[in-house]
N, C-alpha and C. Protein backbone atom coordinates (compact mmCIF):
# COMPACT_ATOMS: atom_id res chain seq x y z
N MET A 1 0.81 -1.14 0.03
CA MET A 1 0.06 0.00 -0.07
C MET A 1 0.90 1.21 -0.08
N GLU A 2 1.95 1.16 0.66
CA GLU A 2 2.91 2.37 0.81
C GLU A 2 3.35 2.76 -0.60
N LEU A 3 3.73 1.66 -1.43
CA LEU A 3 4.20 2.02 -2.97
C LEU A 3 3.01 2.66 -3.69
N VAL A 4 1.91 2.35 -3.45
CA VAL A 4 0.77 2.96 -4.12
C VAL A 4 0.63 4.35 -3.78
N ALA A 5 0.84 4.63 -2.43
CA ALA A 5 0.79 6.12 -2.05
C ALA A 5 1.97 6.94 -2.71
N CYS A 6 3.11 6.32 -2.87
CA CYS A 6 4.23 6.93 -3.45
C CYS A 6 3.96 7.33 -4.91
N TYR A 7 3.24 6.43 -5.69
CA TYR A 7 2.97 6.58 -7.11
C TYR A 7 1.78 7.72 -7.05
N ARG A 8 0.86 7.86 -6.21
CA ARG A 8 -0.07 8.82 -6.04
C ARG A 8 0.65 10.15 -5.96
N ARG A 9 1.52 10.17 -4.94
CA ARG A 9 2.33 11.40 -4.72
C ARG A 9 3.10 11.72 -5.94
N MET A 10 3.78 10.97 -6.62
CA MET A 10 4.50 11.03 -7.82
C MET A 10 3.55 11.78 -8.88
N LEU A 11 2.48 11.40 -9.05
CA LEU A 11 1.53 11.91 -10.12
C LEU A 11 1.12 13.35 -9.77
N ALA A 12 0.90 13.54 -8.46
CA ALA A 12 0.57 14.89 -8.03
C ALA A 12 1.83 15.88 -8.22
N LEU A 13 2.97 15.36 -7.90
CA LEU A 13 4.20 16.17 -8.02
C LEU A 13 4.45 16.45 -9.68
N LEU A 14 4.01 15.62 -10.42
CA LEU A 14 4.12 15.88 -11.87
C LEU A 14 3.00 16.93 -12.45
N GLY A 15 2.05 17.32 -11.54
CA GLY A 15 0.90 18.16 -11.85
C GLY A 15 -0.23 17.37 -12.32
N GLU A 16 -0.23 16.16 -12.22
CA GLU A 16 -1.54 15.41 -12.67
C GLU A 16 -2.58 15.31 -11.75
N ASP A 17 -3.76 14.98 -12.09
CA ASP A 17 -4.79 14.65 -11.28
C ASP A 17 -5.00 13.26 -11.29
N GLU A 18 -4.69 12.70 -10.09
CA GLU A 18 -4.72 11.23 -9.96
C GLU A 18 -6.07 10.64 -9.93
N GLN A 19 -7.13 11.47 -9.86
CA GLN A 19 -8.48 11.05 -9.92
C GLN A 19 -9.12 11.07 -11.26
N ARG A 20 -8.42 11.57 -12.30
CA ARG A 20 -8.87 11.68 -13.61
C ARG A 20 -9.15 10.21 -14.03
N GLU A 21 -9.92 9.91 -15.04
CA GLU A 21 -10.41 8.76 -15.51
C GLU A 21 -9.17 7.70 -15.89
N GLY A 22 -8.20 8.22 -16.59
CA GLY A 22 -7.14 7.39 -17.08
C GLY A 22 -6.06 7.11 -16.02
N LEU A 23 -6.06 7.77 -14.90
CA LEU A 23 -5.07 7.75 -13.85
C LEU A 23 -5.52 7.08 -12.55
N ARG A 24 -6.90 6.96 -12.39
CA ARG A 24 -7.47 6.48 -11.18
C ARG A 24 -6.86 5.20 -10.64
N ARG A 25 -6.57 4.16 -11.40
CA ARG A 25 -6.11 2.93 -10.99
C ARG A 25 -4.60 2.88 -11.21
N THR A 26 -3.94 3.75 -11.89
CA THR A 26 -2.58 3.89 -12.20
C THR A 26 -1.67 3.51 -10.99
N PRO A 27 -1.79 4.19 -9.92
CA PRO A 27 -0.70 4.04 -8.77
C PRO A 27 -0.97 2.35 -8.37
N GLY A 28 -1.97 1.93 -8.41
CA GLY A 28 -2.05 0.38 -7.98
C GLY A 28 -1.40 -0.41 -9.07
N ARG A 29 -1.68 -0.12 -10.34
CA ARG A 29 -1.14 -0.94 -11.41
C ARG A 29 0.40 -0.66 -11.51
N ALA A 30 0.83 0.46 -11.30
CA ALA A 30 2.30 0.77 -11.35
C ALA A 30 3.01 0.15 -10.21
N ALA A 31 2.43 0.15 -8.88
CA ALA A 31 3.09 -0.57 -7.99
C ALA A 31 3.17 -2.09 -8.22
N GLU A 32 2.09 -2.65 -8.69
CA GLU A 32 2.12 -4.09 -8.96
C GLU A 32 3.11 -4.41 -10.00
N ALA A 33 3.29 -3.53 -11.20
CA ALA A 33 4.22 -3.71 -12.15
C ALA A 33 5.72 -3.67 -11.57
N LEU A 34 6.00 -2.71 -10.64
CA LEU A 34 7.27 -2.46 -10.13
C LEU A 34 7.55 -3.83 -9.21
N ARG A 35 6.81 -4.17 -8.46
CA ARG A 35 6.96 -5.46 -7.79
C ARG A 35 7.31 -6.62 -8.64
N PHE A 36 6.60 -6.67 -9.77
CA PHE A 36 6.86 -7.73 -10.70
C PHE A 36 8.22 -7.71 -11.33
N LEU A 37 8.55 -6.51 -11.77
CA LEU A 37 9.81 -6.17 -12.42
C LEU A 37 11.11 -6.22 -11.50
N THR A 38 10.80 -6.35 -10.30
CA THR A 38 12.00 -6.46 -9.29
C THR A 38 11.83 -7.61 -8.41
N ARG A 39 11.22 -8.71 -8.84
CA ARG A 39 10.91 -9.92 -8.01
C ARG A 39 12.14 -10.64 -7.83
N GLY A 40 13.30 -10.28 -8.42
CA GLY A 40 14.57 -11.05 -8.21
C GLY A 40 15.09 -10.88 -6.88
N TYR A 41 14.67 -9.90 -6.10
CA TYR A 41 15.16 -9.51 -4.74
C TYR A 41 14.80 -10.79 -3.88
N GLY A 42 15.64 -11.19 -3.07
CA GLY A 42 15.38 -12.14 -2.12
C GLY A 42 15.19 -13.60 -2.62
N THR A 43 15.37 -13.78 -4.03
CA THR A 43 15.20 -15.21 -4.48
C THR A 43 16.55 -15.90 -4.28
N ARG A 44 16.35 -17.11 -3.66
CA ARG A 44 17.47 -18.13 -3.45
C ARG A 44 17.91 -18.87 -4.57
N LEU A 45 19.21 -19.01 -4.89
CA LEU A 45 19.56 -19.65 -5.97
C LEU A 45 19.13 -21.23 -5.84
N GLU A 46 19.08 -21.66 -4.66
CA GLU A 46 18.53 -23.12 -4.45
C GLU A 46 17.24 -23.36 -4.89
N ASP A 47 16.35 -22.27 -4.55
CA ASP A 47 14.89 -22.23 -5.01
C ASP A 47 14.83 -22.26 -6.39
N VAL A 48 15.71 -21.61 -7.15
CA VAL A 48 15.51 -21.45 -8.66
C VAL A 48 15.96 -22.85 -9.20
N VAL A 49 17.08 -23.27 -8.72
CA VAL A 49 17.66 -24.62 -9.28
C VAL A 49 16.82 -25.69 -9.01
N ASN A 50 16.18 -25.86 -7.82
CA ASN A 50 15.11 -26.73 -7.44
C ASN A 50 15.56 -28.18 -7.65
N GLY A 51 16.82 -28.57 -7.42
CA GLY A 51 17.38 -29.90 -7.67
C GLY A 51 17.60 -30.27 -9.17
N ALA A 52 17.61 -29.47 -9.94
CA ALA A 52 17.73 -29.64 -11.44
C ALA A 52 19.30 -29.64 -11.86
N LEU A 53 20.05 -30.34 -11.00
CA LEU A 53 21.48 -30.59 -11.19
C LEU A 53 21.72 -32.19 -11.41
N PHE A 54 22.21 -32.44 -12.49
CA PHE A 54 22.38 -33.88 -13.01
C PHE A 54 23.77 -34.36 -13.10
N GLU A 55 24.08 -35.51 -12.46
CA GLU A 55 25.36 -35.96 -12.56
C GLU A 55 25.71 -36.40 -14.06
N THR A 56 27.00 -36.25 -14.51
CA THR A 56 27.36 -36.49 -15.95
C THR A 56 28.77 -36.73 -15.93
N ASP A 57 29.42 -37.46 -16.98
CA ASP A 57 30.77 -37.48 -17.25
C ASP A 57 31.08 -36.50 -18.44
N LEU A 58 30.00 -35.78 -18.81
CA LEU A 58 30.26 -34.76 -20.09
C LEU A 58 31.25 -33.85 -19.76
N ASP A 59 32.22 -33.56 -20.62
CA ASP A 59 33.35 -32.60 -20.41
C ASP A 59 33.42 -31.56 -21.53
N GLU A 60 32.30 -31.53 -22.28
CA GLU A 60 32.29 -30.57 -23.37
C GLU A 60 31.38 -29.31 -22.93
N MET A 61 31.60 -28.25 -23.57
CA MET A 61 31.02 -26.97 -23.21
C MET A 61 29.57 -27.03 -23.47
N VAL A 62 28.80 -26.47 -22.52
CA VAL A 62 27.43 -26.26 -22.64
C VAL A 62 27.05 -24.69 -22.82
N VAL A 63 26.32 -24.49 -23.78
CA VAL A 63 25.98 -23.01 -24.15
C VAL A 63 24.51 -22.81 -24.35
N VAL A 64 23.92 -21.93 -23.66
CA VAL A 64 22.52 -21.55 -23.77
C VAL A 64 22.64 -20.05 -24.38
N ARG A 65 22.22 -19.94 -25.61
CA ARG A 65 22.19 -18.69 -26.30
C ARG A 65 20.84 -18.00 -26.38
N GLY A 66 20.88 -16.65 -26.42
CA GLY A 66 19.63 -15.93 -26.76
C GLY A 66 18.70 -15.94 -25.64
N VAL A 67 18.96 -15.94 -24.37
CA VAL A 67 18.10 -15.86 -23.24
C VAL A 67 17.61 -14.49 -23.24
N GLU A 68 16.42 -14.21 -23.43
CA GLU A 68 15.95 -12.74 -23.48
C GLU A 68 15.64 -12.29 -22.04
N PHE A 69 15.94 -11.08 -21.75
CA PHE A 69 15.75 -10.49 -20.42
C PHE A 69 15.24 -9.09 -20.50
N TYR A 70 14.62 -8.54 -19.42
CA TYR A 70 14.22 -7.30 -19.24
C TYR A 70 14.67 -6.82 -17.85
N SER A 71 15.23 -5.66 -17.84
CA SER A 71 15.69 -5.26 -16.54
C SER A 71 15.46 -3.71 -16.33
N LEU A 72 15.55 -3.16 -15.14
CA LEU A 72 15.55 -1.75 -14.83
C LEU A 72 16.87 -1.10 -14.45
N CYS A 73 17.23 -0.05 -15.22
CA CYS A 73 18.45 0.56 -14.93
C CYS A 73 18.28 1.29 -13.48
N GLU A 74 19.14 0.94 -12.61
CA GLU A 74 19.25 1.49 -11.27
C GLU A 74 19.43 3.02 -11.29
N HIS A 75 19.94 3.57 -12.38
CA HIS A 75 20.18 5.08 -12.37
C HIS A 75 19.01 5.82 -12.70
N HIS A 76 18.17 5.41 -13.64
CA HIS A 76 16.94 6.23 -13.94
C HIS A 76 15.66 5.48 -14.02
N LEU A 77 15.69 4.20 -13.51
CA LEU A 77 14.58 3.31 -13.40
C LEU A 77 13.83 3.16 -14.80
N LEU A 78 14.64 3.06 -15.91
CA LEU A 78 14.16 2.88 -17.17
C LEU A 78 14.68 1.55 -17.59
N PRO A 79 13.93 0.85 -18.47
CA PRO A 79 14.13 -0.43 -19.02
C PRO A 79 15.44 -0.53 -19.71
N PHE A 80 16.03 -1.65 -19.57
CA PHE A 80 17.04 -2.14 -20.53
C PHE A 80 16.77 -3.54 -20.75
N PHE A 81 17.06 -4.05 -22.07
CA PHE A 81 16.60 -5.22 -22.53
C PHE A 81 17.52 -5.87 -23.56
N GLY A 82 17.56 -7.17 -23.66
CA GLY A 82 18.40 -7.78 -24.66
C GLY A 82 18.38 -9.29 -24.54
N TYR A 83 19.67 -9.81 -24.79
CA TYR A 83 19.87 -11.16 -24.76
C TYR A 83 21.20 -11.56 -23.85
N CYS A 84 21.00 -12.74 -23.21
CA CYS A 84 22.19 -13.12 -22.44
C CYS A 84 22.57 -14.46 -22.95
N HIS A 85 23.88 -14.72 -23.17
CA HIS A 85 24.38 -15.99 -23.56
C HIS A 85 25.34 -16.62 -22.56
N VAL A 86 25.02 -17.79 -22.07
CA VAL A 86 25.68 -18.44 -20.98
C VAL A 86 26.38 -19.66 -21.29
N GLY A 87 27.65 -19.88 -21.08
CA GLY A 87 28.37 -21.12 -21.49
C GLY A 87 29.09 -21.65 -20.15
N TYR A 88 29.19 -22.98 -19.99
CA TYR A 88 30.05 -23.40 -18.79
C TYR A 88 30.63 -24.72 -19.30
N LEU A 89 31.75 -25.04 -18.58
CA LEU A 89 32.46 -26.39 -18.71
C LEU A 89 32.00 -27.22 -17.41
N PRO A 90 31.27 -28.29 -17.67
CA PRO A 90 30.86 -29.13 -16.58
C PRO A 90 31.86 -29.78 -15.81
N ARG A 91 31.73 -29.95 -14.46
CA ARG A 91 32.64 -30.66 -13.68
C ARG A 91 31.81 -31.64 -12.88
N GLY A 92 31.49 -32.72 -13.59
CA GLY A 92 30.57 -33.82 -13.11
C GLY A 92 29.08 -33.58 -12.92
N ARG A 93 28.59 -32.36 -13.22
CA ARG A 93 27.22 -32.21 -13.27
C ARG A 93 26.85 -31.01 -14.19
N VAL A 94 25.60 -31.29 -14.70
CA VAL A 94 25.00 -30.09 -15.50
C VAL A 94 23.75 -29.69 -14.92
N LEU A 95 23.36 -28.39 -15.41
CA LEU A 95 22.28 -27.81 -14.81
C LEU A 95 21.07 -27.83 -15.80
N GLY A 96 19.91 -28.03 -15.42
CA GLY A 96 18.73 -28.19 -16.40
C GLY A 96 18.80 -26.91 -17.13
N LEU A 97 18.62 -26.92 -18.45
CA LEU A 97 18.63 -25.87 -19.23
C LEU A 97 17.71 -24.75 -18.91
N SER A 98 16.49 -25.02 -18.55
CA SER A 98 15.54 -23.93 -18.26
C SER A 98 16.01 -23.16 -17.06
N LYS A 99 16.78 -23.79 -16.16
CA LYS A 99 17.28 -23.18 -14.96
C LYS A 99 18.28 -22.04 -15.26
N VAL A 100 18.99 -22.21 -16.40
CA VAL A 100 19.96 -21.28 -16.76
C VAL A 100 19.15 -19.91 -17.20
N ALA A 101 18.01 -20.08 -17.78
CA ALA A 101 17.16 -18.89 -18.11
C ALA A 101 16.65 -18.34 -16.83
N ARG A 102 16.22 -19.17 -15.86
CA ARG A 102 15.75 -18.73 -14.56
C ARG A 102 16.78 -17.96 -13.77
N LEU A 103 18.02 -18.39 -13.89
CA LEU A 103 19.06 -17.67 -13.27
C LEU A 103 19.26 -16.20 -13.78
N VAL A 104 19.27 -16.35 -15.14
CA VAL A 104 19.23 -14.96 -15.71
C VAL A 104 18.27 -13.94 -15.25
N ASP A 105 17.00 -14.50 -15.13
CA ASP A 105 15.87 -13.67 -14.47
C ASP A 105 16.05 -13.16 -13.10
N VAL A 106 16.73 -14.00 -12.25
CA VAL A 106 16.92 -13.65 -10.93
C VAL A 106 17.60 -12.30 -10.82
N PHE A 107 18.54 -12.15 -11.58
CA PHE A 107 19.34 -10.93 -11.60
C PHE A 107 18.83 -9.75 -12.41
N ALA A 108 18.15 -10.18 -13.55
CA ALA A 108 17.58 -9.23 -14.43
C ALA A 108 16.43 -8.50 -13.72
N ARG A 109 15.69 -9.26 -12.79
CA ARG A 109 14.67 -8.64 -12.12
C ARG A 109 14.93 -7.98 -10.87
N ARG A 110 16.00 -7.08 -11.07
CA ARG A 110 16.27 -6.12 -9.88
C ARG A 110 16.67 -4.77 -10.53
N LEU A 111 16.77 -3.76 -9.72
CA LEU A 111 17.30 -2.51 -10.10
C LEU A 111 18.78 -2.83 -10.33
N GLN A 112 19.42 -2.42 -11.62
CA GLN A 112 20.68 -3.08 -12.03
C GLN A 112 21.36 -2.28 -13.04
N VAL A 113 22.56 -2.57 -13.13
CA VAL A 113 23.37 -2.14 -14.25
C VAL A 113 23.80 -3.32 -14.90
N GLN A 114 23.90 -3.19 -16.15
CA GLN A 114 24.24 -4.33 -17.06
C GLN A 114 25.57 -4.97 -16.75
N GLU A 115 26.60 -4.26 -16.29
CA GLU A 115 28.02 -4.73 -16.10
C GLU A 115 27.86 -5.71 -14.91
N GLN A 116 27.17 -5.17 -13.93
CA GLN A 116 27.06 -5.96 -12.59
C GLN A 116 26.16 -7.15 -12.90
N MET A 117 25.16 -7.08 -13.49
CA MET A 117 24.22 -8.21 -13.77
C MET A 117 24.98 -9.38 -14.56
N THR A 118 25.82 -9.05 -15.48
CA THR A 118 26.71 -10.04 -16.12
C THR A 118 27.47 -10.86 -15.29
N VAL A 119 28.24 -10.12 -14.26
CA VAL A 119 29.10 -10.69 -13.29
C VAL A 119 28.21 -11.61 -12.40
N GLN A 120 27.05 -11.02 -11.93
CA GLN A 120 26.27 -11.86 -11.08
C GLN A 120 25.75 -13.18 -11.66
N ILE A 121 25.49 -13.15 -12.78
CA ILE A 121 25.03 -14.37 -13.57
C ILE A 121 26.11 -15.35 -13.61
N ALA A 122 27.24 -14.94 -14.17
CA ALA A 122 28.43 -15.70 -14.20
C ALA A 122 28.81 -16.46 -12.83
N ARG A 123 28.74 -15.67 -11.68
CA ARG A 123 29.16 -16.23 -10.43
C ARG A 123 28.21 -17.14 -9.99
N ALA A 124 26.80 -16.90 -10.24
CA ALA A 124 25.73 -17.78 -9.85
C ALA A 124 25.84 -19.19 -10.58
N VAL A 125 26.09 -19.06 -11.83
CA VAL A 125 26.32 -20.42 -12.52
C VAL A 125 27.33 -21.10 -12.05
N SER A 126 28.44 -20.42 -11.90
CA SER A 126 29.70 -21.13 -11.23
C SER A 126 29.40 -21.78 -9.86
N GLU A 127 28.81 -20.95 -8.97
CA GLU A 127 28.48 -21.47 -7.68
C GLU A 127 27.50 -22.65 -7.65
N VAL A 128 26.51 -22.62 -8.57
CA VAL A 128 25.57 -23.74 -8.63
C VAL A 128 25.98 -24.96 -9.17
N THR A 129 26.93 -24.81 -10.31
CA THR A 129 27.33 -25.94 -11.05
C THR A 129 28.67 -26.53 -10.49
N GLY A 130 29.51 -25.73 -9.98
CA GLY A 130 30.79 -25.99 -9.82
C GLY A 130 31.60 -26.09 -10.96
N ALA A 131 31.34 -25.56 -12.01
CA ALA A 131 31.97 -25.75 -13.33
C ALA A 131 33.34 -25.35 -13.28
N LEU A 132 34.11 -25.93 -14.36
CA LEU A 132 35.54 -25.59 -14.50
C LEU A 132 35.71 -24.19 -14.97
N GLY A 133 34.70 -23.70 -15.65
CA GLY A 133 34.81 -22.31 -16.20
C GLY A 133 33.33 -21.88 -16.61
N VAL A 134 32.99 -20.49 -16.62
CA VAL A 134 31.85 -20.06 -16.96
C VAL A 134 32.12 -18.76 -17.76
N GLY A 135 31.34 -18.63 -18.86
CA GLY A 135 31.41 -17.43 -19.67
C GLY A 135 29.82 -16.94 -19.89
N VAL A 136 29.77 -15.59 -19.74
CA VAL A 136 28.43 -14.90 -20.03
C VAL A 136 28.71 -13.64 -20.82
N VAL A 137 27.95 -13.48 -21.85
CA VAL A 137 27.87 -12.35 -22.70
C VAL A 137 26.53 -11.86 -22.64
N VAL A 138 26.39 -10.46 -22.37
CA VAL A 138 25.08 -9.80 -22.36
C VAL A 138 25.05 -8.62 -23.42
N GLU A 139 24.06 -8.73 -24.25
CA GLU A 139 23.98 -7.57 -25.29
C GLU A 139 22.48 -6.94 -25.01
N ALA A 140 22.56 -5.66 -24.83
CA ALA A 140 21.34 -4.93 -24.47
C ALA A 140 21.21 -3.53 -24.99
N ARG A 141 20.08 -3.11 -25.07
CA ARG A 141 19.56 -1.77 -25.45
C ARG A 141 19.06 -1.11 -24.25
N HIS A 142 19.51 0.18 -23.96
CA HIS A 142 19.06 1.00 -22.72
C HIS A 142 18.23 2.03 -23.07
N LEU A 143 16.89 2.02 -22.57
CA LEU A 143 15.95 3.22 -22.79
C LEU A 143 16.64 4.52 -22.31
N CYS A 144 17.45 4.39 -21.35
CA CYS A 144 18.05 5.74 -20.56
C CYS A 144 18.83 6.26 -21.68
N MET A 145 19.47 5.60 -22.51
CA MET A 145 20.24 6.10 -23.75
C MET A 145 19.43 6.48 -24.91
N MET A 146 18.34 5.84 -25.11
CA MET A 146 17.49 5.96 -26.28
C MET A 146 16.39 7.25 -26.05
N MET A 147 15.78 7.23 -24.81
CA MET A 147 14.68 8.17 -24.65
C MET A 147 15.16 9.45 -24.08
N ARG A 148 16.32 9.60 -23.45
CA ARG A 148 16.75 10.79 -22.83
C ARG A 148 18.21 10.88 -23.09
N GLY A 149 18.79 11.92 -22.47
CA GLY A 149 20.31 12.06 -22.59
C GLY A 149 20.66 12.20 -23.95
N VAL A 150 21.61 11.28 -24.36
CA VAL A 150 22.17 11.45 -25.69
C VAL A 150 21.10 10.93 -26.83
N GLU A 151 20.09 10.35 -26.45
CA GLU A 151 19.08 9.83 -27.50
C GLU A 151 19.53 9.15 -28.66
N LYS A 152 20.33 8.17 -28.46
CA LYS A 152 20.86 7.20 -29.52
C LYS A 152 20.14 5.98 -29.67
N GLN A 153 19.29 6.02 -30.77
CA GLN A 153 18.33 4.96 -30.85
C GLN A 153 18.83 3.59 -31.42
N HIS A 154 19.92 3.58 -31.90
CA HIS A 154 20.55 2.41 -32.31
C HIS A 154 21.77 1.70 -31.65
N SER A 155 22.02 2.32 -30.43
CA SER A 155 23.24 1.93 -29.69
C SER A 155 22.84 0.62 -28.96
N SER A 156 23.82 -0.08 -28.56
CA SER A 156 23.65 -1.24 -27.82
C SER A 156 24.95 -1.42 -26.94
N THR A 157 24.84 -2.21 -25.92
CA THR A 157 25.93 -2.41 -25.07
C THR A 157 26.27 -3.99 -24.88
N THR A 158 27.48 -4.35 -24.99
CA THR A 158 27.79 -5.67 -24.76
C THR A 158 28.78 -5.66 -23.52
N THR A 159 28.62 -6.67 -22.65
CA THR A 159 29.43 -6.88 -21.51
C THR A 159 29.66 -8.39 -21.53
N SER A 160 30.67 -8.81 -20.80
CA SER A 160 31.05 -10.15 -20.70
C SER A 160 31.65 -10.41 -19.33
N SER A 161 31.64 -11.69 -18.80
CA SER A 161 32.25 -12.16 -17.68
C SER A 161 32.85 -13.54 -17.88
N MET A 162 34.08 -13.71 -17.73
CA MET A 162 34.71 -14.94 -17.88
C MET A 162 35.39 -15.52 -16.64
N LEU A 163 35.00 -16.67 -16.23
CA LEU A 163 35.54 -17.21 -15.03
C LEU A 163 36.26 -18.58 -15.25
N GLY A 164 37.26 -18.96 -14.45
CA GLY A 164 37.83 -20.22 -14.57
C GLY A 164 38.50 -20.37 -15.95
N GLU A 165 38.26 -21.45 -16.53
CA GLU A 165 38.85 -21.71 -17.83
C GLU A 165 38.53 -20.83 -18.92
N PHE A 166 37.46 -20.27 -18.85
CA PHE A 166 37.00 -19.20 -19.82
C PHE A 166 37.87 -17.92 -19.90
N ARG A 167 38.41 -17.68 -18.64
CA ARG A 167 39.45 -16.50 -18.49
C ARG A 167 40.69 -16.95 -18.77
N LEU A 168 41.23 -18.14 -18.24
CA LEU A 168 42.56 -18.73 -18.31
C LEU A 168 42.88 -19.21 -19.68
N ASN A 169 42.05 -19.80 -20.31
CA ASN A 169 42.29 -20.57 -21.61
C ASN A 169 41.69 -19.78 -22.85
N ALA A 170 42.65 -19.27 -23.61
CA ALA A 170 42.25 -18.41 -24.82
C ALA A 170 41.51 -19.28 -25.77
N ALA A 171 41.74 -20.40 -25.97
CA ALA A 171 41.07 -21.34 -26.78
C ALA A 171 39.53 -21.61 -26.44
N THR A 172 39.19 -21.84 -24.99
CA THR A 172 38.12 -22.04 -24.39
C THR A 172 37.21 -20.84 -24.72
N ARG A 173 37.86 -19.75 -24.27
CA ARG A 173 37.05 -18.33 -24.46
C ARG A 173 36.67 -18.03 -26.01
N ALA A 174 37.55 -18.52 -26.84
CA ALA A 174 37.48 -18.28 -28.26
C ALA A 174 36.26 -19.12 -28.79
N GLU A 175 36.23 -20.47 -28.26
CA GLU A 175 35.21 -21.24 -28.70
C GLU A 175 33.83 -20.75 -28.20
N PHE A 176 33.80 -20.32 -26.86
CA PHE A 176 32.48 -19.72 -26.36
C PHE A 176 32.13 -18.55 -27.20
N LEU A 177 32.94 -17.64 -27.34
CA LEU A 177 32.69 -16.37 -28.13
C LEU A 177 32.16 -16.72 -29.50
N SER A 178 32.82 -17.64 -30.13
CA SER A 178 32.41 -18.02 -31.47
C SER A 178 31.00 -18.64 -31.50
N SER A 179 30.69 -19.44 -30.50
CA SER A 179 29.34 -20.11 -30.42
C SER A 179 28.19 -18.99 -30.18
N VAL A 180 28.59 -17.96 -29.69
CA VAL A 180 27.49 -16.86 -29.34
C VAL A 180 27.48 -15.92 -30.37
N GLY A 181 28.36 -16.03 -31.33
CA GLY A 181 28.42 -14.94 -32.45
C GLY A 181 29.21 -13.83 -32.24
N ARG A 182 30.14 -13.95 -31.28
CA ARG A 182 31.14 -12.80 -30.99
C ARG A 182 32.47 -13.19 -31.34
N SER A 183 33.39 -12.45 -31.51
CA SER A 183 34.79 -12.75 -31.77
C SER A 183 35.62 -12.00 -31.05
């Protein structure tokens, strides 16, 4: 209820009449939307993985490409969105593929900066799987750059985080980057 009151106050500070037809229910809808968009807070990795780790003798790279995400820039509360590519070298167990996408969502559904989100995803995959190495590449478009400030409509940002063998071994890193369409 407190978040609803904040949205009402914000509308008033903007000079709007919160009781006009189109805005009457906006504070409640906006509060609900913000709760949904930031539902990654307090989510435990164990709950996301939910036992979907499987023993294996597989020693080849696992890559999940094109995991779409939406997040909110912590500087302007404007959306940024794009694709996340995750790769890892298993060490005795693999993670259910849908869980990779769910791990991306845990960190995307917070007030965030892309650079930090990329690192958080890589560390989470490493922690959950115990992998020999993890690589994460995030490609995103930021409405804070498109709608305000420099207003660059076609700009995008790419960030990466490489852990373990992905950082130490140039061939492993190159294989991953090639598989996600980066060089």
